[in-house]
Amino acid sequence: MITQRPRLSLWQNLYLPEILRGMWITIRHMIRFKQVTCEYPEKPHAVPANFRGLHRLIQRPGGKERCVACELCLTACPANCISMVAADPGDPSVEKYPLRYEIDTLRCIYCGFCEEACPCDAIELTPHYEFASHRREDFMYTKDRLLDNNRFVPEGERVSKVQTNETYLRV
């Protein structure tokens, strides 16, 4: 069966009613719906409590890093972005420490495995997310920069968020 196309009037051929109806729908949506854009530089974005951002090395109360160079974070990292050189102080009563500790944040997938693997809670991923740069060298975080990242954490949480064993707090 062949259907016949309905004949349109001059008013319908101008498509003016359809244009006006479409504009009315757009205006109605603009008035009714809430704003969904984020005004980022003026209003910082609120991140969830479990957000994993910039890395930091946690310090002991004396100011020295808590890391004992056990290299468990290197082993747990699926992206192989952590490199470390351990230094042995020579005294058996003093713990090892990392002579060199680097994280390549361009390779990092921010999974948090390094944080979970660390037996002495020495590394943590902070909620800080503003670390953009134009140079690749700025994304290589050395031990000094990781210790300096404590400035992004409130003063009361700089030692550690987790209650740890007293063994790791000895200097």
N, C-alpha and C. Protein backbone atom coordinates (compact mmCIF):
# COMPACT_ATOMS: atom_id res chain seq x y z
N MET A 1 0.84 -1.18 0.00
CA MET A 1 0.00 0.00 0.00
C MET A 1 0.89 1.24 0.00
N ILE A 2 0.57 2.15 -0.84
CA ILE A 2 1.34 3.38 -0.97
C ILE A 2 0.66 4.45 -0.14
N THR A 3 1.48 5.07 0.70
CA THR A 3 0.93 6.15 1.52
C THR A 3 1.24 7.48 0.86
N GLN A 4 0.35 8.40 1.05
CA GLN A 4 0.52 9.72 0.47
C GLN A 4 1.07 10.65 1.53
N ARG A 5 2.00 11.48 1.13
CA ARG A 5 2.57 12.46 2.02
C ARG A 5 1.53 13.55 2.29
N PRO A 6 1.36 13.92 3.58
CA PRO A 6 0.36 14.96 3.86
C PRO A 6 0.82 16.30 3.29
N ARG A 7 -0.14 17.05 2.82
CA ARG A 7 0.17 18.38 2.27
C ARG A 7 0.33 19.36 3.42
N LEU A 8 1.42 20.12 3.38
CA LEU A 8 1.71 21.09 4.43
C LEU A 8 1.22 22.47 3.99
N SER A 9 0.77 23.21 4.97
CA SER A 9 0.34 24.58 4.67
C SER A 9 1.58 25.46 4.55
N LEU A 10 1.37 26.70 4.16
CA LEU A 10 2.47 27.65 4.02
C LEU A 10 3.14 27.86 5.38
N TRP A 11 2.36 27.99 6.43
CA TRP A 11 2.89 28.18 7.79
C TRP A 11 3.78 27.00 8.20
N GLN A 12 3.38 25.80 7.88
CA GLN A 12 4.17 24.62 8.22
C GLN A 12 5.40 24.49 7.32
N ASN A 13 5.33 24.94 6.12
CA ASN A 13 6.47 24.91 5.23
C ASN A 13 7.58 25.86 5.68
N LEU A 14 7.25 26.90 6.38
CA LEU A 14 8.26 27.85 6.88
C LEU A 14 9.03 27.27 8.07
N TYR A 15 8.55 26.23 8.67
CA TYR A 15 9.14 25.57 9.85
C TYR A 15 9.26 26.49 11.06
N LEU A 16 8.62 27.64 11.02
CA LEU A 16 8.69 28.59 12.12
C LEU A 16 8.09 28.03 13.41
N PRO A 17 6.96 27.34 13.37
CA PRO A 17 6.43 26.81 14.64
C PRO A 17 7.38 25.79 15.27
N GLU A 18 8.02 24.98 14.43
CA GLU A 18 8.93 23.96 14.98
C GLU A 18 10.18 24.60 15.57
N ILE A 19 10.66 25.65 14.95
CA ILE A 19 11.83 26.37 15.48
C ILE A 19 11.48 27.00 16.82
N LEU A 20 10.32 27.65 16.88
CA LEU A 20 9.89 28.28 18.13
C LEU A 20 9.66 27.24 19.23
N ARG A 21 9.09 26.08 18.87
CA ARG A 21 8.86 25.04 19.85
C ARG A 21 10.20 24.49 20.39
N GLY A 22 11.19 24.33 19.51
CA GLY A 22 12.51 23.87 19.93
C GLY A 22 13.20 24.89 20.83
N MET A 23 13.06 26.18 20.51
CA MET A 23 13.65 27.22 21.36
C MET A 23 12.95 27.26 22.72
N TRP A 24 11.65 27.04 22.74
CA TRP A 24 10.91 27.01 24.01
C TRP A 24 11.39 25.87 24.90
N ILE A 25 11.63 24.70 24.31
CA ILE A 25 12.15 23.56 25.08
C ILE A 25 13.53 23.88 25.65
N THR A 26 14.39 24.51 24.85
CA THR A 26 15.73 24.89 25.31
C THR A 26 15.66 25.88 26.46
N ILE A 27 14.82 26.90 26.35
CA ILE A 27 14.68 27.89 27.42
C ILE A 27 14.12 27.26 28.68
N ARG A 28 13.18 26.36 28.53
CA ARG A 28 12.61 25.67 29.68
C ARG A 28 13.67 24.85 30.42
N HIS A 29 14.54 24.17 29.68
CA HIS A 29 15.63 23.40 30.29
C HIS A 29 16.65 24.31 30.98
N MET A 30 16.91 25.45 30.40
CA MET A 30 17.88 26.37 31.02
C MET A 30 17.35 26.90 32.34
N ILE A 31 16.09 27.13 32.45
CA ILE A 31 15.50 27.66 33.67
C ILE A 31 15.36 26.57 34.73
N ARG A 32 14.96 25.39 34.33
CA ARG A 32 14.61 24.34 35.28
C ARG A 32 15.81 23.61 35.88
N PHE A 33 16.85 23.33 35.10
CA PHE A 33 17.93 22.49 35.57
C PHE A 33 19.00 23.28 36.32
N LYS A 34 19.66 22.58 37.26
CA LYS A 34 20.71 23.23 38.04
C LYS A 34 22.00 23.28 37.23
N GLN A 35 22.92 24.09 37.72
CA GLN A 35 24.20 24.26 37.05
C GLN A 35 25.07 23.02 37.28
N VAL A 36 25.69 22.53 36.23
CA VAL A 36 26.52 21.33 36.37
C VAL A 36 28.00 21.61 36.07
N THR A 37 28.32 22.79 35.59
CA THR A 37 29.72 23.08 35.30
C THR A 37 30.45 23.41 36.60
N CYS A 38 31.73 23.09 36.63
CA CYS A 38 32.56 23.35 37.79
C CYS A 38 33.39 24.60 37.53
N GLU A 39 33.32 25.57 38.39
CA GLU A 39 34.10 26.81 38.25
C GLU A 39 35.44 26.59 38.93
N TYR A 40 36.30 25.79 38.30
CA TYR A 40 37.48 25.23 38.94
C TYR A 40 38.46 26.22 39.57
N PRO A 41 39.05 27.14 38.86
CA PRO A 41 40.07 27.93 39.57
C PRO A 41 39.51 28.76 40.72
N GLU A 42 38.29 29.25 40.55
CA GLU A 42 37.71 30.07 41.62
C GLU A 42 37.22 29.22 42.79
N LYS A 43 36.58 28.11 42.49
CA LYS A 43 36.06 27.21 43.52
C LYS A 43 36.75 25.86 43.37
N PRO A 44 37.63 25.51 44.33
CA PRO A 44 38.32 24.21 44.19
C PRO A 44 37.34 23.04 44.29
N HIS A 45 37.66 22.01 43.55
CA HIS A 45 36.81 20.83 43.49
C HIS A 45 36.95 20.03 44.78
N ALA A 46 35.86 19.61 45.36
CA ALA A 46 35.88 18.79 46.57
C ALA A 46 36.09 17.33 46.17
N VAL A 47 37.15 16.73 46.66
CA VAL A 47 37.46 15.35 46.31
C VAL A 47 36.91 14.41 47.38
N PRO A 48 36.61 13.17 47.03
CA PRO A 48 36.13 12.23 48.04
C PRO A 48 37.22 11.88 49.05
N ALA A 49 36.84 11.29 50.16
CA ALA A 49 37.79 10.98 51.23
C ALA A 49 38.82 9.95 50.81
N ASN A 50 38.49 9.05 49.91
CA ASN A 50 39.42 8.01 49.50
C ASN A 50 40.17 8.37 48.21
N PHE A 51 40.22 9.62 47.85
CA PHE A 51 40.91 10.06 46.63
C PHE A 51 42.41 9.87 46.78
N ARG A 52 43.07 9.38 45.73
CA ARG A 52 44.52 9.18 45.76
C ARG A 52 45.16 10.14 44.78
N GLY A 53 45.90 11.10 45.32
CA GLY A 53 46.55 12.11 44.49
C GLY A 53 48.05 12.08 44.66
N LEU A 54 48.62 13.21 45.00
CA LEU A 54 50.06 13.40 45.09
C LEU A 54 50.68 12.55 46.20
N HIS A 55 51.83 11.95 45.92
CA HIS A 55 52.54 11.12 46.89
C HIS A 55 53.26 11.99 47.91
N ARG A 56 53.47 11.44 49.10
CA ARG A 56 54.31 12.08 50.10
C ARG A 56 54.97 11.02 50.96
N LEU A 57 56.16 11.34 51.46
CA LEU A 57 56.83 10.48 52.43
C LEU A 57 56.52 11.04 53.80
N ILE A 58 56.05 10.19 54.68
CA ILE A 58 55.68 10.62 56.03
C ILE A 58 56.93 10.68 56.88
N GLN A 59 57.00 11.69 57.72
CA GLN A 59 58.15 11.89 58.58
C GLN A 59 57.90 11.34 59.98
N ARG A 60 58.98 11.00 60.63
CA ARG A 60 58.91 10.63 62.05
C ARG A 60 58.79 11.90 62.86
N PRO A 61 58.44 11.79 64.13
CA PRO A 61 58.34 13.01 64.95
C PRO A 61 59.63 13.82 64.99
N GLY A 62 60.79 13.17 64.81
CA GLY A 62 62.05 13.90 64.80
C GLY A 62 62.32 14.65 63.51
N GLY A 63 61.56 14.40 62.48
CA GLY A 63 61.73 15.09 61.21
C GLY A 63 62.36 14.23 60.13
N LYS A 64 62.89 13.05 60.49
CA LYS A 64 63.49 12.15 59.50
C LYS A 64 62.40 11.33 58.83
N GLU A 65 62.66 10.87 57.59
CA GLU A 65 61.65 10.08 56.90
C GLU A 65 61.46 8.74 57.60
N ARG A 66 60.27 8.22 57.49
CA ARG A 66 59.91 6.98 58.16
C ARG A 66 60.33 5.75 57.37
N CYS A 67 60.66 5.89 56.12
CA CYS A 67 60.99 4.77 55.24
C CYS A 67 62.24 4.04 55.74
N VAL A 68 62.17 2.70 55.75
CA VAL A 68 63.30 1.87 56.17
C VAL A 68 63.90 1.14 54.98
N ALA A 69 63.61 1.54 53.77
CA ALA A 69 64.16 1.01 52.53
C ALA A 69 63.98 -0.50 52.42
N CYS A 70 62.80 -1.00 52.74
CA CYS A 70 62.52 -2.42 52.63
C CYS A 70 62.18 -2.83 51.20
N GLU A 71 61.89 -1.86 50.35
CA GLU A 71 61.60 -2.04 48.93
C GLU A 71 60.32 -2.83 48.66
N LEU A 72 59.41 -2.88 49.61
CA LEU A 72 58.13 -3.54 49.36
C LEU A 72 57.25 -2.71 48.44
N CYS A 73 57.38 -1.39 48.50
CA CYS A 73 56.60 -0.54 47.59
C CYS A 73 57.04 -0.74 46.15
N LEU A 74 58.34 -0.97 45.93
CA LEU A 74 58.84 -1.26 44.58
C LEU A 74 58.25 -2.55 44.05
N THR A 75 58.16 -3.53 44.91
CA THR A 75 57.65 -4.84 44.50
C THR A 75 56.16 -4.79 44.22
N ALA A 76 55.43 -4.03 45.01
CA ALA A 76 53.98 -3.99 44.86
C ALA A 76 53.52 -3.11 43.70
N CYS A 77 54.35 -2.21 43.24
CA CYS A 77 53.95 -1.25 42.21
C CYS A 77 53.78 -1.94 40.86
N PRO A 78 52.57 -1.96 40.28
CA PRO A 78 52.37 -2.62 38.98
C PRO A 78 52.94 -1.82 37.81
N ALA A 79 53.15 -0.51 37.99
CA ALA A 79 53.65 0.33 36.90
C ALA A 79 55.16 0.49 36.92
N ASN A 80 55.83 -0.03 37.94
CA ASN A 80 57.28 0.10 38.11
C ASN A 80 57.73 1.55 38.03
N CYS A 81 57.04 2.42 38.72
CA CYS A 81 57.37 3.84 38.68
C CYS A 81 58.22 4.27 39.86
N ILE A 82 58.48 3.39 40.82
CA ILE A 82 59.26 3.74 42.01
C ILE A 82 60.65 3.15 41.86
N SER A 83 61.66 3.96 42.16
CA SER A 83 63.03 3.47 42.20
C SER A 83 63.66 3.92 43.52
N MET A 84 64.51 3.04 44.07
CA MET A 84 65.08 3.31 45.38
C MET A 84 66.48 2.72 45.46
N VAL A 85 67.36 3.44 46.16
CA VAL A 85 68.68 2.94 46.50
C VAL A 85 68.77 3.00 48.01
N ALA A 86 68.97 1.83 48.64
CA ALA A 86 69.03 1.76 50.10
C ALA A 86 70.45 2.02 50.58
N ALA A 87 70.55 2.68 51.72
CA ALA A 87 71.84 2.95 52.34
C ALA A 87 71.89 2.24 53.68
N ASP A 88 72.99 1.54 53.92
CA ASP A 88 73.16 0.84 55.18
C ASP A 88 74.06 1.69 56.06
N PRO A 89 73.60 2.11 57.23
CA PRO A 89 74.41 3.00 58.07
C PRO A 89 75.63 2.32 58.68
N GLY A 90 75.71 0.99 58.63
CA GLY A 90 76.85 0.30 59.21
C GLY A 90 76.66 -0.08 60.66
N ASP A 91 75.84 0.62 61.38
CA ASP A 91 75.54 0.32 62.77
C ASP A 91 74.32 -0.59 62.81
N PRO A 92 74.42 -1.78 63.44
CA PRO A 92 73.27 -2.69 63.44
C PRO A 92 72.09 -2.19 64.27
N SER A 93 72.30 -1.21 65.12
CA SER A 93 71.18 -0.70 65.92
C SER A 93 70.38 0.37 65.19
N VAL A 94 70.90 0.85 64.07
CA VAL A 94 70.22 1.89 63.30
C VAL A 94 69.64 1.25 62.04
N GLU A 95 68.43 1.66 61.67
CA GLU A 95 67.74 1.10 60.51
C GLU A 95 68.33 1.60 59.21
N LYS A 96 68.08 0.84 58.14
CA LYS A 96 68.44 1.31 56.80
C LYS A 96 67.57 2.51 56.46
N TYR A 97 68.01 3.25 55.50
CA TYR A 97 67.23 4.39 55.03
C TYR A 97 67.43 4.52 53.53
N PRO A 98 66.50 5.16 52.83
CA PRO A 98 66.67 5.31 51.38
C PRO A 98 67.64 6.45 51.08
N LEU A 99 68.70 6.11 50.39
CA LEU A 99 69.64 7.14 49.95
C LEU A 99 69.03 7.93 48.80
N ARG A 100 68.37 7.21 47.90
CA ARG A 100 67.67 7.83 46.77
C ARG A 100 66.29 7.17 46.66
N TYR A 101 65.26 7.97 46.55
CA TYR A 101 63.89 7.48 46.43
C TYR A 101 63.20 8.36 45.40
N GLU A 102 62.76 7.77 44.30
CA GLU A 102 62.13 8.54 43.23
C GLU A 102 60.84 7.88 42.78
N ILE A 103 59.86 8.71 42.44
CA ILE A 103 58.61 8.24 41.87
C ILE A 103 58.36 9.02 40.58
N ASP A 104 58.18 8.28 39.49
CA ASP A 104 57.84 8.89 38.21
C ASP A 104 56.32 8.94 38.13
N THR A 105 55.75 10.11 38.40
CA THR A 105 54.29 10.22 38.47
C THR A 105 53.62 10.15 37.09
N LEU A 106 54.41 10.26 36.01
CA LEU A 106 53.82 10.08 34.69
C LEU A 106 53.54 8.60 34.41
N ARG A 107 54.29 7.73 35.04
CA ARG A 107 54.06 6.29 34.87
C ARG A 107 53.10 5.76 35.93
N CYS A 108 52.96 6.47 37.01
CA CYS A 108 52.14 6.00 38.14
C CYS A 108 50.66 5.92 37.74
N ILE A 109 49.98 4.88 38.21
CA ILE A 109 48.56 4.73 37.92
C ILE A 109 47.72 5.03 39.17
N TYR A 110 48.36 5.51 40.23
CA TYR A 110 47.68 5.95 41.46
C TYR A 110 46.76 4.86 42.02
N CYS A 111 47.28 3.66 42.07
CA CYS A 111 46.50 2.53 42.57
C CYS A 111 46.54 2.43 44.08
N GLY A 112 47.58 2.96 44.72
CA GLY A 112 47.70 2.91 46.17
C GLY A 112 48.33 1.64 46.68
N PHE A 113 48.85 0.77 45.80
CA PHE A 113 49.49 -0.47 46.26
C PHE A 113 50.74 -0.18 47.07
N CYS A 114 51.48 0.87 46.72
CA CYS A 114 52.68 1.22 47.48
C CYS A 114 52.31 1.60 48.90
N GLU A 115 51.23 2.31 49.04
CA GLU A 115 50.75 2.73 50.37
C GLU A 115 50.32 1.52 51.20
N GLU A 116 49.67 0.55 50.57
CA GLU A 116 49.20 -0.63 51.28
C GLU A 116 50.35 -1.58 51.61
N ALA A 117 51.38 -1.64 50.76
CA ALA A 117 52.47 -2.58 50.97
C ALA A 117 53.46 -2.11 52.03
N CYS A 118 53.53 -0.85 52.29
CA CYS A 118 54.53 -0.32 53.21
C CYS A 118 54.23 -0.77 54.65
N PRO A 119 55.16 -1.49 55.29
CA PRO A 119 54.90 -1.98 56.65
C PRO A 119 54.99 -0.90 57.71
N CYS A 120 55.62 0.21 57.39
CA CYS A 120 55.78 1.26 58.40
C CYS A 120 55.05 2.55 58.03
N ASP A 121 54.10 2.46 57.13
CA ASP A 121 53.27 3.60 56.72
C ASP A 121 54.12 4.82 56.36
N ALA A 122 55.13 4.61 55.54
CA ALA A 122 56.05 5.69 55.19
C ALA A 122 55.58 6.48 53.97
N ILE A 123 54.79 5.89 53.11
CA ILE A 123 54.34 6.58 51.90
C ILE A 123 52.82 6.68 51.92
N GLU A 124 52.33 7.79 51.40
CA GLU A 124 50.89 8.02 51.41
C GLU A 124 50.52 8.82 50.17
N LEU A 125 49.34 8.59 49.67
CA LEU A 125 48.82 9.38 48.57
C LEU A 125 47.85 10.41 49.15
N THR A 126 48.16 11.67 48.99
CA THR A 126 47.38 12.75 49.57
C THR A 126 46.21 13.11 48.67
N PRO A 127 45.25 13.88 49.15
CA PRO A 127 44.14 14.32 48.29
C PRO A 127 44.50 15.51 47.39
N HIS A 128 45.75 15.95 47.39
CA HIS A 128 46.17 17.08 46.55
C HIS A 128 46.25 16.63 45.09
N TYR A 129 45.64 17.39 44.18
CA TYR A 129 45.60 16.98 42.78
C TYR A 129 46.12 18.04 41.82
N GLU A 130 46.59 19.15 42.29
CA GLU A 130 47.06 20.22 41.42
C GLU A 130 48.57 20.17 41.28
N PHE A 131 49.07 19.39 40.34
CA PHE A 131 50.51 19.34 40.12
C PHE A 131 50.83 19.25 38.63
N ALA A 132 50.23 20.12 37.85
CA ALA A 132 50.46 20.15 36.41
C ALA A 132 51.74 20.91 36.09
N SER A 133 52.35 20.56 34.98
CA SER A 133 53.56 21.22 34.55
C SER A 133 53.73 21.01 33.05
N HIS A 134 54.66 21.76 32.47
CA HIS A 134 54.95 21.63 31.04
C HIS A 134 56.21 20.81 30.79
N ARG A 135 56.97 20.51 31.85
CA ARG A 135 58.23 19.78 31.70
C ARG A 135 58.15 18.41 32.34
N ARG A 136 58.75 17.44 31.70
CA ARG A 136 58.75 16.07 32.20
C ARG A 136 59.51 15.95 33.51
N GLU A 137 60.56 16.73 33.69
CA GLU A 137 61.38 16.66 34.90
C GLU A 137 60.58 17.00 36.16
N ASP A 138 59.54 17.81 36.01
CA ASP A 138 58.74 18.20 37.16
C ASP A 138 57.89 17.07 37.70
N PHE A 139 57.74 15.99 36.94
CA PHE A 139 56.94 14.86 37.39
C PHE A 139 57.78 13.75 38.00
N MET A 140 59.09 13.96 38.10
CA MET A 140 59.97 13.03 38.80
C MET A 140 60.11 13.54 40.23
N TYR A 141 59.50 12.83 41.17
CA TYR A 141 59.52 13.25 42.56
C TYR A 141 60.64 12.54 43.29
N THR A 142 61.65 13.30 43.72
CA THR A 142 62.76 12.76 44.49
C THR A 142 62.37 12.70 45.97
N LYS A 143 63.28 12.18 46.77
CA LYS A 143 62.99 12.04 48.20
C LYS A 143 62.74 13.40 48.84
N ASP A 144 63.51 14.41 48.46
CA ASP A 144 63.32 15.74 49.03
C ASP A 144 61.97 16.33 48.66
N ARG A 145 61.56 16.14 47.41
CA ARG A 145 60.25 16.66 46.99
C ARG A 145 59.11 15.90 47.65
N LEU A 146 59.29 14.58 47.85
CA LEU A 146 58.26 13.80 48.52
C LEU A 146 58.12 14.21 49.98
N LEU A 147 59.23 14.53 50.62
CA LEU A 147 59.15 15.04 52.00
C LEU A 147 58.56 16.45 52.02
N ASP A 148 58.82 17.23 50.98
CA ASP A 148 58.29 18.59 50.89
C ASP A 148 56.78 18.59 50.63
N ASN A 149 56.24 17.49 50.10
CA ASN A 149 54.80 17.40 49.84
C ASN A 149 53.98 17.35 51.11
N ASN A 150 54.62 17.28 52.26
CA ASN A 150 53.89 17.32 53.53
C ASN A 150 53.20 18.67 53.74
N ARG A 151 53.62 19.68 52.98
CA ARG A 151 52.99 21.00 53.13
C ARG A 151 51.54 21.00 52.65
N PHE A 152 51.15 20.01 51.85
CA PHE A 152 49.78 19.93 51.37
C PHE A 152 48.86 19.21 52.35
N VAL A 153 49.39 18.74 53.45
CA VAL A 153 48.63 17.99 54.45
C VAL A 153 48.50 18.87 55.69
N PRO A 154 47.34 18.89 56.35
CA PRO A 154 47.20 19.68 57.57
C PRO A 154 48.24 19.31 58.62
N GLU A 155 48.61 20.26 59.44
CA GLU A 155 49.69 20.10 60.42
C GLU A 155 49.50 18.89 61.34
N GLY A 156 48.29 18.63 61.77
CA GLY A 156 48.03 17.52 62.67
C GLY A 156 48.19 16.15 62.04
N GLU A 157 48.11 16.05 60.71
CA GLU A 157 48.19 14.77 60.02
C GLU A 157 49.54 14.51 59.38
N ARG A 158 50.53 15.38 59.62
CA ARG A 158 51.81 15.23 58.93
C ARG A 158 52.60 14.03 59.41
N VAL A 159 52.45 13.62 60.63
CA VAL A 159 53.20 12.47 61.12
C VAL A 159 52.63 11.20 60.52
N SER A 160 51.35 10.95 60.69
CA SER A 160 50.70 9.81 60.05
C SER A 160 49.22 9.85 60.35
N LYS A 161 48.42 9.33 59.44
CA LYS A 161 46.99 9.17 59.70
C LYS A 161 46.74 7.88 60.47
N VAL A 162 47.65 6.93 60.35
CA VAL A 162 47.47 5.60 60.91
C VAL A 162 48.26 5.48 62.20
N GLN A 163 47.65 4.85 63.22
CA GLN A 163 48.37 4.56 64.45
C GLN A 163 49.30 3.40 64.15
N THR A 164 50.60 3.61 64.31
CA THR A 164 51.56 2.57 63.97
C THR A 164 52.25 2.04 65.21
N ASN A 165 52.96 0.97 65.02
CA ASN A 165 53.70 0.34 66.09
C ASN A 165 54.84 1.25 66.53
N GLU A 166 55.18 1.25 67.81
CA GLU A 166 56.23 2.11 68.33
C GLU A 166 57.61 1.76 67.74
N THR A 167 57.76 0.57 67.21
CA THR A 167 59.05 0.16 66.64
C THR A 167 59.46 1.08 65.51
N TYR A 168 58.52 1.52 64.72
CA TYR A 168 58.84 2.34 63.56
C TYR A 168 59.02 3.80 63.92
N LEU A 169 58.67 4.17 65.15
CA LEU A 169 58.78 5.59 65.54
C LEU A 169 60.14 5.89 66.15
N ARG A 170 60.97 4.88 66.43
CA ARG A 170 62.29 5.13 66.99
C ARG A 170 63.18 5.80 65.94
N VAL A 171 63.99 6.73 66.39
CA VAL A 171 64.88 7.45 65.48
C VAL A 171 66.23 6.81 65.43
